[in-house]
Structure formats: structure tokens, C-alpha cells
């Protein structure tokens, strides 16, 4: 049994999925719903952390399914892994900005 991967077709699939993802915009109602459902900043932050965790869990599940040989498209696995990675990086940047703001406020003269 020969398990070779056609890199050209894989790259074409990844590029087409990337172009498709770039052309899609999130629905406005979903964004408004998230903002309305958060009563305060702590709730909003908690929801964001939970969303990042969900993306990472979904990515992990897809990777495991692909490794087991289940019927999962490699391109979908890669796209989900990138979504999880980007959401984690964005959350890390938000955390860094919050820490910087806290330090700035802490160092303000009274």
C-alpha cells in the first residue's frame, strides 16, 4: 500500500479553502448577539476564552479522527488547526494588552 500525498492537489485545495474563508464574513447578528449577551467585561472575556477552548478542542478532535483514519478531509483538519492557532494567538495578544493596561494604571500617581 502506497500512502503518497499529491502535494499539488493538496496546495490547490488549501488555497481554494483559504480564498473561500477570506471571502466569507461573519453574520452581523452573531456579532451583535455576542455583545448583547455579555453583561459586563468579565462575562465577555469568559465567553472569549471558552470560544478559544472550543476551537482548540474541535481541532484536536479532528486531528485525532484523521490520525485514526476516519473519513475526515486533510484540508478541513488543517483549516481547523489554523483557526484554533489564530484564535489562541489573538487571545494571547488581548491578554498582553490587558496586562499592559493594568501595569499602566497601577503605576499612575494618585
Protein backbone atom coordinates (compact mmCIF):
# COMPACT_ATOMS: atom_id res chain seq x y z
CA UNK A 1 0.00 0.00 0.00
CA UNK A 2 1.47 3.31 -1.08
CA UNK A 3 0.49 6.34 1.03
CA UNK A 4 1.79 9.22 -1.05
CA UNK A 5 0.23 12.66 -0.91
CA UNK A 6 -0.18 14.69 -4.07
CA UNK A 7 1.28 18.00 -2.90
CA UNK A 8 0.00 19.97 -5.88
CA UNK A 9 -3.63 18.98 -5.33
CA UNK A 10 -3.24 19.49 -1.57
CA UNK A 11 -1.90 23.02 -2.12
CA UNK A 12 -4.72 23.79 -4.56
CA UNK A 13 -7.29 22.59 -2.02
CA UNK A 14 -5.71 24.66 0.74
CA UNK A 15 -5.60 27.77 -1.46
CA UNK A 16 -9.22 27.36 -2.52
CA UNK A 17 -10.31 26.90 1.10
CA UNK A 18 -8.28 29.94 2.15
CA UNK A 19 -9.86 32.03 -0.60
CA UNK A 20 -13.31 30.79 0.38
CA UNK A 21 -12.68 31.58 4.05
CA UNK A 22 -11.38 35.04 3.19
CA UNK A 23 -14.47 35.84 1.13
CA UNK A 24 -16.87 34.87 3.91
CA UNK A 25 -17.79 37.45 6.52
CA UNK A 26 -19.35 36.62 9.88
CA UNK A 27 -23.07 37.36 10.11
CA UNK A 28 -23.86 40.63 11.84
CA UNK A 29 -26.50 39.04 14.04
CA UNK A 30 -23.94 36.68 15.55
CA UNK A 31 -21.60 39.54 16.47
CA UNK A 32 -24.42 41.62 17.93
CA UNK A 33 -25.72 38.65 19.90
CA UNK A 34 -22.30 38.13 21.50
CA UNK A 35 -22.05 41.75 22.51
CA UNK A 36 -25.60 41.84 23.87
CA UNK A 37 -25.32 38.60 25.83
CA UNK A 38 -22.31 39.80 27.81
CA UNK A 39 -23.49 41.81 30.80
CA UNK A 40 -20.03 43.00 31.71
CA UNK A 41 -16.42 42.76 30.65
CA UNK A 42 -15.74 39.66 32.75
CA UNK A 43 -18.55 37.78 31.01
CA UNK A 44 -17.29 38.87 27.60
CA UNK A 45 -13.77 37.76 28.44
CA UNK A 46 -15.03 34.45 29.80
CA UNK A 47 -17.05 33.83 26.64
CA UNK A 48 -14.00 34.60 24.51
CA UNK A 49 -11.80 32.17 26.45
CA UNK A 50 -14.48 29.48 26.14
CA UNK A 51 -14.71 30.08 22.38
CA UNK A 52 -10.93 29.65 22.04
CA UNK A 53 -11.08 26.44 24.08
CA UNK A 54 -13.90 25.15 21.87
CA UNK A 55 -11.87 25.83 18.72
CA UNK A 56 -8.86 24.02 20.17
CA UNK A 57 -10.95 21.03 21.27
CA UNK A 58 -12.56 20.81 17.83
CA UNK A 59 -9.13 20.95 16.20
CA UNK A 60 -7.81 18.23 18.47
CA UNK A 61 -10.80 16.01 17.77
CA UNK A 62 -10.40 16.44 14.01
CA UNK A 63 -6.67 15.68 14.19
CA UNK A 64 -7.33 12.53 16.21
CA UNK A 65 -10.03 11.42 13.79
CA UNK A 66 -7.70 11.96 10.83
CA UNK A 67 -4.88 10.04 12.54
CA UNK A 68 -7.24 7.12 13.19
CA UNK A 69 -8.08 7.00 9.51
CA UNK A 70 -11.67 8.16 9.82
CA UNK A 71 -13.39 9.94 6.94
CA UNK A 72 -12.02 13.44 7.58
CA UNK A 73 -10.59 15.67 4.86
CA UNK A 74 -7.00 16.74 5.47
CA UNK A 75 -7.74 20.26 4.24
CA UNK A 76 -10.54 20.64 6.80
CA UNK A 77 -8.21 19.42 9.55
CA UNK A 78 -5.56 21.96 8.53
CA UNK A 79 -8.07 24.81 8.33
CA UNK A 80 -9.45 23.98 11.77
CA UNK A 81 -5.92 23.79 13.18
CA UNK A 82 -5.19 27.26 11.77
CA UNK A 83 -8.45 28.64 13.21
CA UNK A 84 -7.51 27.28 16.63
CA UNK A 85 -4.00 28.68 16.36
CA UNK A 86 -5.16 32.13 15.28
CA UNK A 87 -7.82 32.34 17.96
CA UNK A 88 -5.25 31.39 20.61
CA UNK A 89 -2.77 33.96 19.29
CA UNK A 90 -5.46 36.65 19.30
CA UNK A 91 -6.43 35.79 22.86
CA UNK A 92 -2.77 35.95 23.89
CA UNK A 93 -2.46 39.43 22.36
CA UNK A 94 -5.59 40.58 24.19
CA UNK A 95 -4.19 39.24 27.44
CA UNK A 96 -0.89 41.06 26.83
CA UNK A 97 -2.72 44.34 26.18
CA UNK A 98 -4.78 43.89 29.35
CA UNK A 99 -1.66 43.25 31.41
CA UNK A 100 0.00 46.34 29.92
CA UNK A 101 -3.08 48.46 30.70
CA UNK A 102 -3.14 47.12 34.27
CA UNK A 103 0.54 47.96 34.74
CA UNK A 104 -0.02 51.45 33.36
CA UNK A 105 -2.94 52.08 35.71
CA UNK A 106 -1.04 50.63 38.64
CA UNK A 107 1.87 52.99 38.04
CA UNK A 108 -0.31 56.12 37.78
CA UNK A 109 0.25 58.64 40.55
CA UNK A 110 -2.73 59.16 42.83
